[in-house]
């Protein structure tokens, strides 16, 4: 039993590594909107971030390429120009395909503004407003929608977009933070370099990646000796307030849903029974809950229960790996 204490993190990780790189049962759709740079160097930077984000979603996170849309100011090597008209067409296209079992992700990159109580992302032509984005998202029959707005003054988007079935992350905490942001650069780097998976369980939750990007952003300002001009928020409880991603100590704060919703989740072979997948994910959740409550149990009981839960997860993993169509007895 003593030796088991040291191997359970590796065993948990191995339980999460299912065969192949096939997608999970639910599909996910990703729309990346890179706004106007207003000249160099931002125009080049925003397009570079868009290209890198698309690449990491497809090449490292295994997202279906045809479900990842990139819109940029120039439209070069992208699906469309990021004007309001072209962006709406992409949202309509996704809306025709996304189902109630699928998830939608939207990433906003660029400069934002807040004037006359209207929050906007600067794009070619007429700017994209938070209200327009909210209207488009309401037409998606998605299980969950995640919006990652990394533009300046993005914090005010929380007031418009927050709601049931939505997770909103912004690079700034208010409309007063108007300077160009760096959050998206670190968001992408954390995915590219693997640091987003903080607990090494081979999954990346929305909270996990946003926290890591926020921590890297804070560190950059500190290392440069600058006063931070962006303080990322996350909102997943629908209260339209948001909480700082790097300071979420109160149990009433946001983050509970984002902590259990994954940008990179368990991957399973096509044709696997949904009930079997649900049972496996429930077993993993039980392991994670036990680990979080370790302090409330004596060492012997903790290790005994942990071993039992891990073995249960491992058996379900084997069923999935072997292509068993039914639930185990």
Protein backbone atom coordinates (compact mmCIF):
# COMPACT_ATOMS: atom_id res chain seq x y z
CA UNK A 1 0.00 0.00 0.00
CA UNK A 2 2.87 2.37 0.78
CA UNK A 3 4.30 1.99 -2.70
CA UNK A 4 0.89 2.64 -4.21
CA UNK A 5 0.98 6.16 -2.77
CA UNK A 6 3.73 7.07 -5.21
CA UNK A 7 2.35 5.44 -8.34
CA UNK A 8 -1.28 6.57 -8.28
CA UNK A 9 -0.68 9.82 -10.25
CA UNK A 10 0.87 7.78 -13.07
CA UNK A 11 -1.94 5.22 -12.87
CA UNK A 12 -4.53 7.99 -13.07
CA UNK A 13 -2.79 9.47 -16.10
CA UNK A 14 -2.64 6.07 -17.78
CA UNK A 15 -6.36 5.58 -17.15
CA UNK A 16 -6.99 8.77 -19.10
CA UNK A 17 -4.91 7.76 -22.10
CA UNK A 18 -7.33 5.95 -24.34
CA UNK A 19 -6.38 4.34 -27.63
CA UNK A 20 -5.91 6.42 -30.77
CA UNK A 21 -6.52 10.11 -31.45
CA UNK A 22 -10.17 9.81 -32.37
CA UNK A 23 -12.47 12.58 -31.08
CA UNK A 24 -14.72 12.29 -28.05
CA UNK A 25 -18.38 11.48 -28.66
CA UNK A 26 -19.48 15.12 -28.78
CA UNK A 27 -18.27 17.39 -31.56
CA UNK A 28 -16.84 20.81 -30.85
CA UNK A 29 -16.89 23.84 -33.13
CA UNK A 30 -14.33 26.65 -32.89
CA UNK A 31 -14.58 30.16 -34.36
CA UNK A 32 -11.46 32.35 -34.14
CA UNK A 33 -12.08 36.04 -34.87
CA UNK A 34 -8.98 38.21 -35.28
CA UNK A 35 -9.93 41.87 -35.42
CA UNK A 36 -8.30 44.92 -36.95
CA UNK A 37 -4.76 45.64 -35.83
CA UNK A 38 -4.81 49.33 -36.71
CA UNK A 39 -1.43 48.97 -38.40
CA UNK A 40 1.80 47.25 -37.45
CA UNK A 41 2.83 45.54 -35.26
CA UNK A 42 -0.66 44.55 -34.07
CA UNK A 43 -2.06 43.56 -37.47
CA UNK A 44 0.71 41.00 -37.89
CA UNK A 45 0.52 39.88 -34.28
CA UNK A 46 -3.23 39.25 -34.32
CA UNK A 47 -3.03 37.22 -37.53
CA UNK A 48 -0.10 35.22 -36.15
CA UNK A 49 -2.05 34.42 -32.99
CA UNK A 50 -5.03 33.32 -35.07
CA UNK A 51 -2.92 31.02 -37.23
CA UNK A 52 -1.15 29.51 -34.22
CA UNK A 53 -4.38 28.98 -32.32
CA UNK A 54 -5.96 27.20 -35.28
CA UNK A 55 -2.85 25.03 -35.64
CA UNK A 56 -2.69 24.01 -31.99
CA UNK A 57 -6.42 23.20 -31.86
CA UNK A 58 -6.12 20.88 -34.84
CA UNK A 59 -2.61 19.47 -34.58
CA UNK A 60 -2.17 19.12 -30.81
CA UNK A 61 -5.68 19.03 -29.39
CA UNK A 62 -7.09 16.86 -32.19
CA UNK A 63 -10.02 19.08 -33.17
CA UNK A 64 -11.68 18.34 -36.51
CA UNK A 65 -10.16 20.74 -39.03
CA UNK A 66 -13.42 21.43 -40.83
CA UNK A 67 -14.95 22.52 -37.50
CA UNK A 68 -12.28 25.16 -36.82
CA UNK A 69 -12.91 28.51 -38.53
CA UNK A 70 -10.40 31.36 -38.73
CA UNK A 71 -11.36 34.91 -39.68
CA UNK A 72 -8.72 37.63 -39.95
CA UNK A 73 -8.42 41.24 -41.00
CA UNK A 74 -6.72 40.35 -44.28
CA UNK A 75 -8.49 37.06 -44.93
CA UNK A 76 -5.15 35.60 -46.06
CA UNK A 77 -4.89 31.86 -45.36
CA UNK A 78 -8.16 32.10 -43.46
CA UNK A 79 -11.77 31.10 -43.97
CA UNK A 80 -12.97 34.69 -44.34
CA UNK A 81 -12.30 38.33 -43.56
CA UNK A 82 -13.33 39.15 -39.98
CA UNK A 83 -16.01 41.70 -40.93
CA UNK A 84 -19.40 41.54 -39.23
CA UNK A 85 -21.02 40.29 -42.43
CA UNK A 86 -18.56 37.45 -43.02
CA UNK A 87 -18.46 36.50 -39.34
CA UNK A 88 -22.25 36.19 -39.22
CA UNK A 89 -22.11 33.83 -42.20
CA UNK A 90 -19.67 31.59 -40.33
CA UNK A 91 -21.89 31.58 -37.24
CA UNK A 92 -24.84 30.63 -39.42
CA UNK A 93 -22.82 27.81 -40.97
CA UNK A 94 -21.91 26.47 -37.54
CA UNK A 95 -25.52 26.89 -36.42
CA UNK A 96 -26.69 24.55 -39.19
CA UNK A 97 -24.36 21.80 -37.98
CA UNK A 98 -24.03 22.12 -34.22
CA UNK A 99 -26.36 19.94 -32.13
CA UNK A 100 -27.52 19.91 -28.53
CA UNK A 101 -24.81 17.35 -27.79
CA UNK A 102 -22.03 19.54 -29.21
CA UNK A 103 -20.00 22.41 -27.80
CA UNK A 104 -19.11 25.77 -29.29
CA UNK A 105 -15.97 27.82 -28.69
CA UNK A 106 -15.43 31.43 -29.78
CA UNK A 107 -12.08 33.22 -29.51
CA UNK A 108 -11.83 37.00 -29.94
CA UNK A 109 -8.42 38.52 -30.67
CA UNK A 110 -7.66 42.22 -31.11
CA UNK A 111 -8.54 45.69 -29.89
CA UNK A 112 -11.78 46.36 -28.09
CA UNK A 113 -13.72 49.48 -27.15
CA UNK A 114 -16.53 50.58 -24.86
CA UNK A 115 -18.42 53.73 -25.80
CA UNK A 116 -21.99 54.81 -25.02
CA UNK A 117 -22.44 51.59 -23.03
CA UNK A 118 -21.70 49.43 -26.08
CA UNK A 119 -18.87 46.87 -25.92
CA UNK A 120 -17.18 46.11 -29.23
CA UNK A 121 -14.39 44.23 -30.96
CA UNK A 122 -12.72 46.31 -33.66
CA UNK A 123 -13.03 44.50 -36.99
CA UNK A 124 -12.85 45.63 -40.65
CA UNK A 125 -15.81 47.89 -41.40
CA UNK A 126 -18.48 48.20 -38.73
CA UNK A 127 -17.29 46.88 -35.36
CA UNK A 128 -18.68 43.69 -33.84
CA UNK A 129 -20.73 44.38 -30.70
CA UNK A 130 -21.24 42.12 -27.70
CA UNK A 131 -24.99 42.23 -28.36
CA UNK A 132 -24.53 40.95 -31.91
CA UNK A 133 -22.37 38.11 -30.65
CA UNK A 134 -24.94 37.27 -27.98
CA UNK A 135 -27.68 37.16 -30.62
CA UNK A 136 -25.68 34.81 -32.86
CA UNK A 137 -24.82 32.50 -29.97
CA UNK A 138 -28.48 32.21 -28.96
CA UNK A 139 -29.12 30.55 -32.31
CA UNK A 140 -26.68 27.73 -31.62
CA UNK A 141 -28.24 24.55 -30.25
CA UNK A 142 -25.10 23.81 -28.25
CA UNK A 143 -24.68 21.95 -24.98
CA UNK A 144 -22.14 24.48 -23.78
CA UNK A 145 -20.66 27.68 -25.25
CA UNK A 146 -17.24 29.05 -24.30
CA UNK A 147 -16.16 32.58 -25.25
CA UNK A 148 -12.52 33.54 -24.80
CA UNK A 149 -12.31 37.30 -25.39
CA UNK A 150 -8.68 38.43 -25.25
CA UNK A 151 -9.19 41.97 -26.58
CA UNK A 152 -8.65 45.17 -24.62
CA UNK A 153 -11.71 46.35 -22.60
CA UNK A 154 -13.05 42.79 -22.95
CA UNK A 155 -14.25 42.60 -19.34
CA UNK A 156 -17.51 44.35 -20.20
CA UNK A 157 -18.44 41.47 -22.53
CA UNK A 158 -19.18 39.47 -19.36
CA UNK A 159 -22.16 41.73 -18.60
CA UNK A 160 -23.73 40.91 -21.96
CA UNK A 161 -22.72 37.30 -22.63
CA UNK A 162 -22.95 35.75 -19.15
CA UNK A 163 -25.73 33.18 -18.83
CA UNK A 164 -26.74 29.56 -18.39
CA UNK A 165 -24.71 27.15 -20.49
CA UNK A 166 -21.94 29.68 -21.06
CA UNK A 167 -18.39 30.08 -19.86
CA UNK A 168 -16.89 33.52 -20.50
CA UNK A 169 -13.21 34.35 -20.08
CA UNK A 170 -11.86 37.85 -20.70
CA UNK A 171 -8.33 39.24 -20.64
CA UNK A 172 -9.35 42.41 -18.80
CA UNK A 173 -11.53 43.04 -15.78
CA UNK A 174 -13.16 46.26 -16.94
CA UNK A 175 -13.60 48.81 -19.72
CA UNK A 176 -10.89 50.90 -18.11
CA UNK A 177 -8.18 48.42 -19.14
CA UNK A 178 -7.78 49.77 -22.66
CA UNK A 179 -4.14 48.89 -23.43
CA UNK A 180 -3.25 46.14 -25.90
CA UNK A 181 -3.32 42.76 -24.16
CA UNK A 182 -0.91 39.81 -24.08
CA UNK A 183 -3.23 37.17 -22.65
CA UNK A 184 -3.88 35.39 -25.97
CA UNK A 185 -0.16 35.00 -26.65
CA UNK A 186 0.30 33.18 -23.36
CA UNK A 187 -2.96 31.24 -23.84
CA UNK A 188 -1.55 29.81 -27.07
CA UNK A 189 1.94 29.23 -25.66
CA UNK A 190 0.50 27.27 -22.73
CA UNK A 191 -1.26 24.95 -25.19
CA UNK A 192 1.73 24.64 -27.51
CA UNK A 193 4.22 23.91 -24.73
CA UNK A 194 1.96 21.72 -22.60
CA UNK A 195 2.00 23.85 -19.45
CA UNK A 196 -1.80 24.24 -19.63
CA UNK A 197 -2.24 20.73 -18.22
CA UNK A 198 -1.39 21.73 -14.66
CA UNK A 199 -2.43 18.49 -12.92
CA UNK A 200 -0.97 16.23 -15.65
CA UNK A 201 -4.14 14.23 -16.16
CA UNK A 202 -3.90 14.50 -19.96
CA UNK A 203 -6.91 16.83 -20.04
CA UNK A 204 -7.14 20.61 -20.17
CA UNK A 205 -10.15 22.24 -18.57
CA UNK A 206 -11.25 25.73 -19.54
CA UNK A 207 -10.43 26.94 -16.04
CA UNK A 208 -7.00 25.31 -16.21
CA UNK A 209 -5.92 26.98 -19.46
CA UNK A 210 -7.34 30.36 -18.46
CA UNK A 211 -5.59 30.23 -15.09
CA UNK A 212 -2.28 29.29 -16.68
CA UNK A 213 -2.56 32.03 -19.29
CA UNK A 214 -3.44 34.49 -16.54
CA UNK A 215 -0.49 33.42 -14.41
CA UNK A 216 1.92 33.74 -17.34
CA UNK A 217 0.49 37.17 -18.15
CA UNK A 218 0.95 38.34 -14.54
CA UNK A 219 4.51 37.00 -14.54
CA UNK A 220 5.36 38.87 -17.75
CA UNK A 221 4.28 42.22 -16.29
CA UNK A 222 6.18 41.53 -13.07
CA UNK A 223 9.35 40.51 -14.91
CA UNK A 224 9.20 43.62 -17.09
CA UNK A 225 8.66 45.83 -14.05
CA UNK A 226 5.37 47.10 -15.50
CA UNK A 227 2.09 47.75 -13.76
CA UNK A 228 -0.32 45.12 -15.07
CA UNK A 229 -2.98 46.58 -17.35
CA UNK A 230 -4.98 43.38 -17.78
CA UNK A 231 -6.58 41.19 -15.11
CA UNK A 232 -8.37 38.16 -16.64
CA UNK A 233 -11.87 37.20 -15.53
CA UNK A 234 -13.93 34.06 -15.82
CA UNK A 235 -17.70 33.76 -15.48
CA UNK A 236 -19.57 30.46 -15.52
CA UNK A 237 -22.36 30.95 -12.98
CA UNK A 238 -24.40 33.40 -15.05
CA UNK A 239 -24.30 36.27 -12.55
CA UNK A 240 -22.73 38.70 -15.07
CA UNK A 241 -19.96 39.63 -12.64
CA UNK A 242 -16.97 37.39 -13.29
CA UNK A 243 -14.12 36.43 -10.96
CA UNK A 244 -10.37 36.90 -11.29
CA UNK A 245 -8.93 33.70 -12.75
CA UNK A 246 -5.80 33.94 -10.59
CA UNK A 247 -7.65 34.66 -7.33
CA UNK A 248 -10.61 32.33 -6.83
CA UNK A 249 -10.49 31.29 -3.20
CA UNK A 250 -14.13 31.78 -2.26
CA UNK A 251 -16.44 28.79 -2.92
CA UNK A 252 -19.11 31.26 -4.13
CA UNK A 253 -16.91 32.43 -6.97
CA UNK A 254 -17.03 31.28 -10.57
CA UNK A 255 -15.00 28.35 -11.84
CA UNK A 256 -16.82 25.19 -10.80
CA UNK A 257 -18.27 24.53 -14.26
CA UNK A 258 -15.16 25.70 -16.11
CA UNK A 259 -13.09 23.34 -13.95
CA UNK A 260 -15.11 20.37 -15.21
CA UNK A 261 -15.47 21.45 -18.83
CA UNK A 262 -12.59 20.54 -21.11
CA UNK A 263 -10.89 22.07 -24.10
CA UNK A 264 -8.97 18.79 -24.30
CA UNK A 265 -10.96 15.88 -22.91
CA UNK A 266 -10.80 12.11 -22.84
CA UNK A 267 -10.76 10.68 -26.37
CA UNK A 268 -12.56 7.47 -27.16
CA UNK A 269 -12.93 5.23 -30.23
CA UNK A 270 -15.94 5.86 -32.43
CA UNK A 271 -18.86 3.58 -31.68
CA UNK A 272 -18.16 3.42 -27.94
CA UNK A 273 -21.30 3.17 -25.83
CA UNK A 274 -22.21 6.62 -24.39
CA UNK A 275 -23.21 4.88 -21.15
CA UNK A 276 -19.74 3.32 -20.93
CA UNK A 277 -18.09 6.70 -21.50
CA UNK A 278 -20.33 8.29 -18.84
CA UNK A 279 -19.42 5.55 -16.35
CA UNK A 280 -15.72 6.00 -17.07
CA UNK A 281 -15.84 9.77 -16.69
CA UNK A 282 -17.84 9.37 -13.46
CA UNK A 283 -15.15 7.01 -12.14
CA UNK A 284 -12.41 9.53 -12.95
CA UNK A 285 -14.46 12.28 -11.30
CA UNK A 286 -14.73 10.12 -8.17
CA UNK A 287 -10.95 9.73 -8.08
CA UNK A 288 -10.45 13.47 -8.43
CA UNK A 289 -13.02 14.22 -5.70
CA UNK A 290 -11.30 11.76 -3.38
CA UNK A 291 -7.91 13.37 -4.00
CA UNK A 292 -9.35 16.82 -3.26
CA UNK A 293 -10.81 15.54 0.04
CA UNK A 294 -7.62 13.75 1.09
CA UNK A 295 -7.19 15.95 4.16
CA UNK A 296 -10.54 14.74 5.57
CA UNK A 297 -9.51 11.06 5.59
CA UNK A 298 -6.91 9.12 7.52
CA UNK A 299 -4.01 7.89 5.39
CA UNK A 300 -4.99 4.19 5.40
CA UNK A 301 -8.62 4.81 4.44
CA UNK A 302 -7.60 7.32 1.79
CA UNK A 303 -5.21 4.90 0.06
CA UNK A 304 -7.67 2.01 0.25
CA UNK A 305 -10.48 4.03 -1.29
CA UNK A 306 -8.17 5.52 -3.88
CA UNK A 307 -6.94 2.10 -4.96
CA UNK A 308 -10.51 0.84 -5.33
CA UNK A 309 -11.59 3.86 -7.37
CA UNK A 310 -8.54 3.69 -9.64
CA UNK A 311 -9.06 -0.02 -10.27
CA UNK A 312 -12.69 0.66 -11.20
CA UNK A 313 -11.58 3.38 -13.63
CA UNK A 314 -8.90 1.08 -15.05
CA UNK A 315 -11.44 -1.71 -15.71
CA UNK A 316 -13.73 0.72 -17.54
CA UNK A 317 -10.73 2.00 -19.47
CA UNK A 318 -9.93 -1.55 -20.54
CA UNK A 319 -13.52 -2.07 -21.70
CA UNK A 320 -13.25 1.03 -23.88
CA UNK A 321 -9.79 0.10 -25.12
CA UNK A 322 -10.95 -3.40 -26.09
CA UNK A 323 -13.94 -2.02 -27.94
CA UNK A 324 -16.58 -3.47 -25.64
CA UNK A 325 -19.98 -2.21 -26.86
CA UNK A 326 -21.82 -2.64 -23.57
CA UNK A 327 -21.48 -1.59 -19.97
CA UNK A 328 -19.55 -3.99 -17.72
CA UNK A 329 -21.46 -6.13 -15.25
